[in-house]
N, C-alpha and C. Protein backbone atom coordinates (compact mmCIF):
# COMPACT_ATOMS: atom_id res chain seq x y z
N MET A 1 -70.51 -104.41 -22.39
CA MET A 1 -71.05 -103.94 -23.65
C MET A 1 -72.14 -102.93 -23.35
N TRP A 2 -72.09 -101.77 -24.00
CA TRP A 2 -73.05 -100.70 -23.78
C TRP A 2 -74.21 -100.84 -24.74
N THR A 3 -75.43 -100.62 -24.23
CA THR A 3 -76.62 -100.69 -25.07
C THR A 3 -77.56 -99.57 -24.69
N ASP A 4 -78.42 -99.18 -25.63
CA ASP A 4 -79.38 -98.11 -25.36
C ASP A 4 -80.73 -98.66 -24.92
N ALA A 5 -80.81 -99.96 -24.69
CA ALA A 5 -82.07 -100.58 -24.27
C ALA A 5 -82.36 -100.20 -22.82
N HIS A 6 -83.61 -99.93 -22.54
CA HIS A 6 -84.03 -99.59 -21.19
C HIS A 6 -84.29 -100.86 -20.40
N PRO A 7 -83.94 -100.86 -19.13
CA PRO A 7 -84.23 -102.07 -18.33
C PRO A 7 -85.73 -102.28 -18.21
N VAL A 8 -86.11 -103.52 -18.23
CA VAL A 8 -87.52 -103.88 -18.14
C VAL A 8 -87.75 -104.52 -16.77
N ALA A 9 -88.73 -103.98 -16.06
CA ALA A 9 -89.07 -104.54 -14.75
C ALA A 9 -89.96 -105.76 -14.94
N VAL A 10 -89.60 -106.82 -14.30
CA VAL A 10 -90.38 -108.05 -14.40
C VAL A 10 -91.11 -108.24 -13.07
N ALA A 11 -92.42 -108.35 -13.15
CA ALA A 11 -93.23 -108.52 -11.94
C ALA A 11 -93.13 -109.96 -11.46
N PRO A 12 -93.08 -110.16 -10.15
CA PRO A 12 -93.08 -111.54 -9.64
C PRO A 12 -94.43 -112.19 -9.88
N PRO A 13 -94.46 -113.50 -9.96
CA PRO A 13 -95.74 -114.18 -10.16
C PRO A 13 -96.71 -113.87 -9.03
N ALA A 14 -97.99 -113.76 -9.39
CA ALA A 14 -99.02 -113.39 -8.40
C ALA A 14 -99.35 -114.56 -7.47
N ARG A 15 -99.15 -115.78 -7.92
CA ARG A 15 -99.49 -116.92 -7.07
C ARG A 15 -98.23 -117.70 -6.74
N ALA A 16 -98.34 -118.57 -5.79
CA ALA A 16 -97.20 -119.35 -5.34
C ALA A 16 -96.74 -120.30 -6.43
N ALA A 17 -95.45 -120.55 -6.44
CA ALA A 17 -94.89 -121.44 -7.45
C ALA A 17 -95.44 -122.85 -7.26
N GLY A 18 -95.69 -123.53 -8.37
CA GLY A 18 -96.17 -124.90 -8.32
C GLY A 18 -97.68 -125.04 -8.35
N ARG A 19 -98.42 -123.95 -8.21
CA ARG A 19 -99.88 -124.01 -8.25
C ARG A 19 -100.35 -123.78 -9.67
N ILE A 20 -101.38 -124.50 -10.05
CA ILE A 20 -101.95 -124.35 -11.39
C ILE A 20 -103.23 -123.55 -11.27
N GLY A 21 -103.37 -122.53 -12.13
CA GLY A 21 -104.57 -121.70 -12.12
C GLY A 21 -105.78 -122.47 -12.60
N PRO A 22 -106.98 -121.93 -12.38
CA PRO A 22 -108.20 -122.64 -12.76
C PRO A 22 -108.33 -122.85 -14.27
N ALA A 23 -107.88 -121.88 -15.07
CA ALA A 23 -107.98 -122.04 -16.52
C ALA A 23 -107.03 -123.13 -17.02
N ARG A 24 -105.84 -123.17 -16.46
CA ARG A 24 -104.88 -124.21 -16.86
C ARG A 24 -105.38 -125.59 -16.44
N LEU A 25 -105.95 -125.67 -15.25
CA LEU A 25 -106.50 -126.95 -14.78
C LEU A 25 -107.66 -127.39 -15.67
N ALA A 26 -108.51 -126.44 -16.05
CA ALA A 26 -109.62 -126.77 -16.95
C ALA A 26 -109.11 -127.26 -18.29
N LEU A 27 -108.04 -126.64 -18.80
CA LEU A 27 -107.45 -127.07 -20.07
C LEU A 27 -106.97 -128.51 -19.99
N VAL A 28 -106.25 -128.84 -18.96
CA VAL A 28 -105.72 -130.20 -18.81
C VAL A 28 -106.86 -131.21 -18.63
N LEU A 29 -107.84 -130.88 -17.77
CA LEU A 29 -108.94 -131.81 -17.52
C LEU A 29 -109.83 -131.99 -18.74
N LEU A 30 -110.11 -130.90 -19.47
CA LEU A 30 -110.92 -131.03 -20.68
C LEU A 30 -110.21 -131.84 -21.76
N THR A 31 -108.90 -131.66 -21.88
CA THR A 31 -108.15 -132.44 -22.86
C THR A 31 -108.18 -133.92 -22.50
N ALA A 32 -107.97 -134.24 -21.24
CA ALA A 32 -108.03 -135.64 -20.81
C ALA A 32 -109.43 -136.21 -21.02
N ALA A 33 -110.46 -135.45 -20.68
CA ALA A 33 -111.83 -135.93 -20.87
C ALA A 33 -112.17 -136.11 -22.34
N ALA A 34 -111.69 -135.20 -23.19
CA ALA A 34 -111.96 -135.31 -24.63
C ALA A 34 -111.28 -136.55 -25.20
N LEU A 35 -110.05 -136.81 -24.80
CA LEU A 35 -109.34 -137.99 -25.30
C LEU A 35 -109.99 -139.28 -24.79
N LEU A 36 -110.35 -139.31 -23.52
CA LEU A 36 -111.00 -140.51 -22.97
C LEU A 36 -112.38 -140.74 -23.60
N GLY A 37 -113.13 -139.67 -23.79
CA GLY A 37 -114.45 -139.81 -24.42
C GLY A 37 -114.35 -140.28 -25.86
N THR A 38 -113.40 -139.73 -26.59
CA THR A 38 -113.21 -140.15 -27.98
C THR A 38 -112.75 -141.59 -28.05
N ALA A 39 -111.86 -141.99 -27.16
CA ALA A 39 -111.40 -143.38 -27.14
C ALA A 39 -112.54 -144.33 -26.79
N ALA A 40 -113.41 -143.94 -25.86
CA ALA A 40 -114.55 -144.79 -25.50
C ALA A 40 -115.51 -144.95 -26.66
N VAL A 41 -115.76 -143.87 -27.39
CA VAL A 41 -116.64 -143.95 -28.56
C VAL A 41 -115.99 -144.79 -29.66
N ALA A 42 -114.68 -144.62 -29.84
CA ALA A 42 -113.98 -145.36 -30.89
C ALA A 42 -113.97 -146.86 -30.62
N VAL A 43 -113.90 -147.25 -29.37
CA VAL A 43 -113.87 -148.67 -29.02
C VAL A 43 -115.24 -149.31 -29.26
N ARG A 44 -116.31 -148.57 -29.02
CA ARG A 44 -117.65 -149.14 -29.09
C ARG A 44 -118.29 -149.06 -30.47
N SER A 45 -117.84 -148.17 -31.33
CA SER A 45 -118.49 -148.02 -32.64
C SER A 45 -117.60 -148.58 -33.74
N PRO A 46 -118.20 -149.01 -34.84
CA PRO A 46 -117.39 -149.55 -35.94
C PRO A 46 -116.69 -148.44 -36.71
N ALA A 47 -115.52 -148.76 -37.22
CA ALA A 47 -114.77 -147.80 -38.02
C ALA A 47 -115.36 -147.71 -39.42
N VAL A 48 -115.12 -146.60 -40.08
CA VAL A 48 -115.58 -146.41 -41.45
C VAL A 48 -114.73 -147.29 -42.35
N PRO A 49 -115.35 -148.07 -43.26
CA PRO A 49 -114.55 -148.91 -44.16
C PRO A 49 -113.77 -148.04 -45.15
N VAL A 50 -112.45 -148.23 -45.17
CA VAL A 50 -111.57 -147.44 -46.02
C VAL A 50 -110.52 -148.37 -46.61
N GLU A 51 -110.07 -148.06 -47.83
CA GLU A 51 -108.99 -148.84 -48.45
C GLU A 51 -107.73 -148.74 -47.60
N PRO A 52 -106.90 -149.77 -47.59
CA PRO A 52 -105.71 -149.76 -46.73
C PRO A 52 -104.75 -148.60 -47.02
N ASP A 53 -104.55 -148.26 -48.29
CA ASP A 53 -103.64 -147.15 -48.60
C ASP A 53 -104.18 -145.82 -48.08
N LEU A 54 -105.47 -145.61 -48.27
CA LEU A 54 -106.09 -144.38 -47.78
C LEU A 54 -106.07 -144.35 -46.25
N ALA A 55 -106.25 -145.50 -45.62
CA ALA A 55 -106.21 -145.55 -44.16
C ALA A 55 -104.83 -145.15 -43.64
N ARG A 56 -103.76 -145.59 -44.32
CA ARG A 56 -102.41 -145.20 -43.90
C ARG A 56 -102.21 -143.70 -44.03
N VAL A 57 -102.69 -143.10 -45.12
CA VAL A 57 -102.56 -141.66 -45.32
C VAL A 57 -103.34 -140.90 -44.24
N ILE A 58 -104.56 -141.34 -43.98
CA ILE A 58 -105.39 -140.66 -42.97
C ILE A 58 -104.76 -140.78 -41.59
N ARG A 59 -104.22 -141.95 -41.27
CA ARG A 59 -103.59 -142.12 -39.95
C ARG A 59 -102.32 -141.28 -39.83
N PHE A 60 -101.56 -141.17 -40.92
CA PHE A 60 -100.37 -140.31 -40.90
C PHE A 60 -100.78 -138.85 -40.70
N MET A 61 -101.84 -138.43 -41.39
CA MET A 61 -102.34 -137.07 -41.21
C MET A 61 -102.81 -136.86 -39.78
N ALA A 62 -103.42 -137.88 -39.19
CA ALA A 62 -103.89 -137.77 -37.80
C ALA A 62 -102.72 -137.60 -36.84
N VAL A 63 -101.61 -138.27 -37.12
CA VAL A 63 -100.42 -138.11 -36.28
C VAL A 63 -99.89 -136.67 -36.38
N ILE A 64 -99.85 -136.14 -37.59
CA ILE A 64 -99.40 -134.76 -37.77
C ILE A 64 -100.34 -133.79 -37.06
N LYS A 65 -101.64 -134.00 -37.22
CA LYS A 65 -102.62 -133.14 -36.56
C LYS A 65 -102.56 -133.30 -35.04
N GLY A 66 -102.23 -134.49 -34.57
CA GLY A 66 -102.03 -134.68 -33.13
C GLY A 66 -100.85 -133.87 -32.62
N GLY A 67 -99.82 -133.75 -33.44
CA GLY A 67 -98.69 -132.88 -33.09
C GLY A 67 -99.11 -131.42 -33.00
N PHE A 68 -99.97 -131.00 -33.94
CA PHE A 68 -100.51 -129.63 -33.87
C PHE A 68 -101.32 -129.45 -32.59
N ALA A 69 -102.11 -130.46 -32.23
CA ALA A 69 -102.91 -130.38 -31.01
C ALA A 69 -102.02 -130.29 -29.77
N LEU A 70 -100.93 -131.04 -29.77
CA LEU A 70 -99.99 -130.98 -28.65
C LEU A 70 -99.34 -129.61 -28.57
N ALA A 71 -98.97 -129.03 -29.73
CA ALA A 71 -98.40 -127.69 -29.74
C ALA A 71 -99.42 -126.65 -29.25
N ALA A 72 -100.67 -126.79 -29.67
CA ALA A 72 -101.72 -125.87 -29.20
C ALA A 72 -101.95 -126.02 -27.71
N LEU A 73 -101.90 -127.25 -27.21
CA LEU A 73 -102.05 -127.49 -25.77
C LEU A 73 -100.91 -126.82 -25.00
N ALA A 74 -99.69 -126.97 -25.48
CA ALA A 74 -98.54 -126.34 -24.81
C ALA A 74 -98.64 -124.82 -24.87
N ALA A 75 -99.02 -124.27 -26.03
CA ALA A 75 -99.15 -122.82 -26.16
C ALA A 75 -100.26 -122.28 -25.28
N GLY A 76 -101.38 -122.98 -25.23
CA GLY A 76 -102.48 -122.55 -24.38
C GLY A 76 -102.12 -122.62 -22.90
N PHE A 77 -101.45 -123.69 -22.50
CA PHE A 77 -101.02 -123.84 -21.11
C PHE A 77 -100.05 -122.73 -20.74
N TRP A 78 -99.12 -122.42 -21.65
CA TRP A 78 -98.15 -121.36 -21.41
C TRP A 78 -98.83 -120.00 -21.33
N ARG A 79 -99.76 -119.73 -22.25
CA ARG A 79 -100.42 -118.42 -22.29
C ARG A 79 -101.34 -118.22 -21.09
N LEU A 80 -101.96 -119.26 -20.60
CA LEU A 80 -102.88 -119.13 -19.48
C LEU A 80 -102.18 -118.92 -18.14
N ALA A 81 -100.85 -118.85 -18.15
CA ALA A 81 -100.12 -118.50 -16.93
C ALA A 81 -100.31 -117.03 -16.60
N ARG A 82 -100.70 -116.22 -17.60
CA ARG A 82 -100.96 -114.79 -17.41
C ARG A 82 -102.43 -114.51 -17.69
N PRO A 83 -102.98 -113.46 -17.13
CA PRO A 83 -104.39 -113.14 -17.38
C PRO A 83 -104.66 -112.86 -18.85
N ALA A 84 -105.80 -113.30 -19.33
CA ALA A 84 -106.22 -113.06 -20.71
C ALA A 84 -107.69 -112.63 -20.70
N ALA A 85 -108.13 -112.07 -21.81
CA ALA A 85 -109.53 -111.68 -21.94
C ALA A 85 -110.40 -112.93 -21.79
N PRO A 86 -111.62 -112.78 -21.28
CA PRO A 86 -112.47 -113.97 -21.06
C PRO A 86 -112.72 -114.79 -22.32
N TRP A 87 -112.93 -114.15 -23.46
CA TRP A 87 -113.19 -114.93 -24.67
C TRP A 87 -111.93 -115.64 -25.14
N ARG A 88 -110.76 -115.03 -24.93
CA ARG A 88 -109.51 -115.71 -25.29
C ARG A 88 -109.25 -116.89 -24.36
N THR A 89 -109.53 -116.70 -23.08
CA THR A 89 -109.36 -117.80 -22.13
C THR A 89 -110.23 -118.98 -22.53
N ALA A 90 -111.47 -118.70 -22.93
CA ALA A 90 -112.37 -119.79 -23.35
C ALA A 90 -111.81 -120.51 -24.57
N ILE A 91 -111.24 -119.77 -25.51
CA ILE A 91 -110.68 -120.41 -26.71
C ILE A 91 -109.43 -121.20 -26.37
N TYR A 92 -108.56 -120.63 -25.53
CA TYR A 92 -107.35 -121.36 -25.15
C TYR A 92 -107.68 -122.62 -24.34
N VAL A 93 -108.82 -122.63 -23.66
CA VAL A 93 -109.23 -123.81 -22.89
C VAL A 93 -109.97 -124.82 -23.75
N ALA A 94 -110.79 -124.38 -24.70
CA ALA A 94 -111.63 -125.30 -25.48
C ALA A 94 -111.00 -125.75 -26.80
N GLY A 95 -110.12 -124.96 -27.38
CA GLY A 95 -109.55 -125.30 -28.68
C GLY A 95 -108.68 -126.55 -28.69
N PRO A 96 -107.66 -126.65 -27.83
CA PRO A 96 -106.80 -127.84 -27.85
C PRO A 96 -107.53 -129.15 -27.57
N PRO A 97 -108.49 -129.22 -26.63
CA PRO A 97 -109.21 -130.49 -26.47
C PRO A 97 -109.99 -130.89 -27.72
N ALA A 98 -110.58 -129.92 -28.42
CA ALA A 98 -111.29 -130.24 -29.66
C ALA A 98 -110.32 -130.77 -30.71
N MET A 99 -109.14 -130.17 -30.78
CA MET A 99 -108.13 -130.65 -31.73
C MET A 99 -107.66 -132.05 -31.38
N ALA A 100 -107.41 -132.30 -30.10
CA ALA A 100 -106.93 -133.63 -29.69
C ALA A 100 -107.98 -134.70 -29.94
N ALA A 101 -109.23 -134.40 -29.61
CA ALA A 101 -110.30 -135.37 -29.86
C ALA A 101 -110.48 -135.62 -31.36
N GLY A 102 -110.39 -134.57 -32.15
CA GLY A 102 -110.51 -134.73 -33.60
C GLY A 102 -109.38 -135.56 -34.18
N ALA A 103 -108.16 -135.33 -33.71
CA ALA A 103 -107.02 -136.10 -34.21
C ALA A 103 -107.15 -137.58 -33.84
N LEU A 104 -107.59 -137.85 -32.61
CA LEU A 104 -107.76 -139.25 -32.20
C LEU A 104 -108.88 -139.92 -32.98
N ALA A 105 -109.99 -139.23 -33.17
CA ALA A 105 -111.10 -139.81 -33.94
C ALA A 105 -110.70 -140.02 -35.39
N LEU A 106 -109.92 -139.11 -35.95
CA LEU A 106 -109.46 -139.27 -37.33
C LEU A 106 -108.50 -140.45 -37.44
N GLY A 107 -107.63 -140.62 -36.45
CA GLY A 107 -106.68 -141.73 -36.47
C GLY A 107 -107.33 -143.09 -36.33
N THR A 108 -108.46 -143.15 -35.65
CA THR A 108 -109.17 -144.42 -35.49
C THR A 108 -110.21 -144.63 -36.59
N LEU A 109 -110.30 -143.70 -37.51
CA LEU A 109 -111.21 -143.76 -38.67
C LEU A 109 -112.68 -143.81 -38.24
N HIS A 110 -113.02 -143.04 -37.22
CA HIS A 110 -114.40 -142.94 -36.76
C HIS A 110 -114.91 -141.53 -37.07
N SER A 111 -115.96 -141.45 -37.85
CA SER A 111 -116.59 -140.19 -38.21
C SER A 111 -115.57 -139.16 -38.69
N PRO A 112 -114.95 -139.41 -39.85
CA PRO A 112 -113.89 -138.51 -40.31
C PRO A 112 -114.35 -137.07 -40.53
N ALA A 113 -115.59 -136.88 -40.97
CA ALA A 113 -116.06 -135.51 -41.21
C ALA A 113 -116.17 -134.73 -39.90
N LEU A 114 -116.76 -135.35 -38.89
CA LEU A 114 -116.89 -134.69 -37.60
C LEU A 114 -115.52 -134.48 -36.96
N ALA A 115 -114.64 -135.45 -37.11
CA ALA A 115 -113.29 -135.34 -36.56
C ALA A 115 -112.53 -134.19 -37.21
N ALA A 116 -112.61 -134.11 -38.54
CA ALA A 116 -111.91 -133.03 -39.24
C ALA A 116 -112.49 -131.67 -38.88
N ALA A 117 -113.81 -131.59 -38.72
CA ALA A 117 -114.43 -130.32 -38.34
C ALA A 117 -113.96 -129.87 -36.96
N ALA A 118 -113.97 -130.77 -35.99
CA ALA A 118 -113.52 -130.41 -34.64
C ALA A 118 -112.06 -130.00 -34.64
N LEU A 119 -111.26 -130.76 -35.36
CA LEU A 119 -109.83 -130.49 -35.40
C LEU A 119 -109.54 -129.13 -36.02
N HIS A 120 -110.12 -128.86 -37.17
CA HIS A 120 -109.82 -127.61 -37.88
C HIS A 120 -110.47 -126.39 -37.23
N LEU A 121 -111.65 -126.54 -36.66
CA LEU A 121 -112.25 -125.41 -35.95
C LEU A 121 -111.46 -125.06 -34.69
N GLY A 122 -110.99 -126.07 -33.98
CA GLY A 122 -110.14 -125.81 -32.81
C GLY A 122 -108.84 -125.14 -33.20
N LEU A 123 -108.23 -125.61 -34.29
CA LEU A 123 -106.99 -125.01 -34.76
C LEU A 123 -107.21 -123.56 -35.19
N LEU A 124 -108.27 -123.31 -35.94
CA LEU A 124 -108.57 -121.95 -36.38
C LEU A 124 -108.81 -121.03 -35.19
N ALA A 125 -109.54 -121.49 -34.21
CA ALA A 125 -109.84 -120.66 -33.04
C ALA A 125 -108.57 -120.32 -32.26
N VAL A 126 -107.71 -121.31 -32.03
CA VAL A 126 -106.49 -121.07 -31.26
C VAL A 126 -105.55 -120.14 -32.02
N VAL A 127 -105.38 -120.37 -33.31
CA VAL A 127 -104.48 -119.51 -34.10
C VAL A 127 -105.02 -118.09 -34.17
N ALA A 128 -106.33 -117.93 -34.38
CA ALA A 128 -106.91 -116.58 -34.43
C ALA A 128 -106.78 -115.87 -33.09
N ALA A 129 -107.01 -116.58 -32.00
CA ALA A 129 -106.87 -115.95 -30.68
C ALA A 129 -105.42 -115.56 -30.41
N ALA A 130 -104.48 -116.42 -30.79
CA ALA A 130 -103.07 -116.12 -30.53
C ALA A 130 -102.57 -114.97 -31.41
N LEU A 131 -102.99 -114.93 -32.67
CA LEU A 131 -102.52 -113.88 -33.55
C LEU A 131 -103.08 -112.51 -33.20
N THR A 132 -104.26 -112.46 -32.60
CA THR A 132 -104.85 -111.17 -32.23
C THR A 132 -104.58 -110.81 -30.78
N ASP A 133 -103.87 -111.65 -30.06
CA ASP A 133 -103.57 -111.41 -28.64
C ASP A 133 -102.27 -110.62 -28.53
N ALA A 134 -102.38 -109.36 -28.13
CA ALA A 134 -101.19 -108.51 -28.00
C ALA A 134 -100.27 -109.01 -26.88
N ASP A 135 -100.81 -109.73 -25.92
CA ASP A 135 -100.02 -110.22 -24.79
C ASP A 135 -99.55 -111.67 -24.97
N PHE A 136 -99.71 -112.23 -26.16
CA PHE A 136 -99.27 -113.61 -26.36
C PHE A 136 -97.77 -113.72 -26.17
N LEU A 137 -97.03 -112.78 -26.76
CA LEU A 137 -95.60 -112.67 -26.52
C LEU A 137 -95.40 -111.46 -25.62
N PRO A 138 -95.06 -111.65 -24.35
CA PRO A 138 -95.04 -110.54 -23.42
C PRO A 138 -93.99 -109.48 -23.71
N ASP A 139 -92.94 -109.79 -24.46
CA ASP A 139 -91.89 -108.81 -24.74
C ASP A 139 -91.98 -108.28 -26.17
N ARG A 140 -93.17 -108.13 -26.70
CA ARG A 140 -93.36 -107.68 -28.07
C ARG A 140 -92.73 -106.30 -28.34
N PRO A 141 -92.82 -105.29 -27.44
CA PRO A 141 -92.17 -104.01 -27.73
C PRO A 141 -90.67 -104.15 -27.90
N LEU A 142 -90.05 -105.02 -27.13
CA LEU A 142 -88.62 -105.24 -27.29
C LEU A 142 -88.31 -105.90 -28.63
N LEU A 143 -89.17 -106.78 -29.09
CA LEU A 143 -88.96 -107.39 -30.40
C LEU A 143 -89.04 -106.35 -31.49
N GLY A 144 -89.97 -105.40 -31.36
CA GLY A 144 -90.11 -104.34 -32.36
C GLY A 144 -88.86 -103.50 -32.44
N ARG A 145 -88.25 -103.17 -31.31
CA ARG A 145 -87.02 -102.38 -31.32
C ARG A 145 -85.87 -103.19 -31.91
N HIS A 146 -85.87 -104.47 -31.65
CA HIS A 146 -84.77 -105.31 -32.14
C HIS A 146 -84.75 -105.37 -33.66
N TRP A 147 -85.91 -105.38 -34.27
CA TRP A 147 -85.96 -105.51 -35.72
C TRP A 147 -85.95 -104.17 -36.44
N GLY A 148 -85.60 -103.11 -35.74
CA GLY A 148 -85.40 -101.83 -36.41
C GLY A 148 -86.63 -100.94 -36.45
N ARG A 149 -87.75 -101.36 -35.92
CA ARG A 149 -88.94 -100.51 -35.89
C ARG A 149 -88.90 -99.64 -34.65
N ARG A 150 -89.21 -98.37 -34.79
CA ARG A 150 -89.20 -97.46 -33.64
C ARG A 150 -90.49 -96.75 -33.52
């Protein structure tokens, strides 16, 4: 099949396969530390008294928000495989742990206001960084040609 698309050169990875970069390692370690710290606080402090029906709704929302945190963690881990601006790297490293800690704290009904603030600020930061990152999708020029823009 003949096409007018130009071949794209793909550069080999700069580091050896199987090695994790420092930003990716920081992302994983901060997420683990945030979850362990939140769990330790949740075990030692009393939960906020809430009606059972409201508690079920809040816990269901926490599960959904935990899914968002997992998606942000995966997106940040994937994006940090390539170089990013320093402020974007900081957001990709700090946003998902804040979201994960907020979701866990919300699910255990400990400090719902602080949990919601951490969760939503982390989500806003990651989404804003990803939407303004021209290198988030590395083949963006090819996508533009595919959809008829020239």
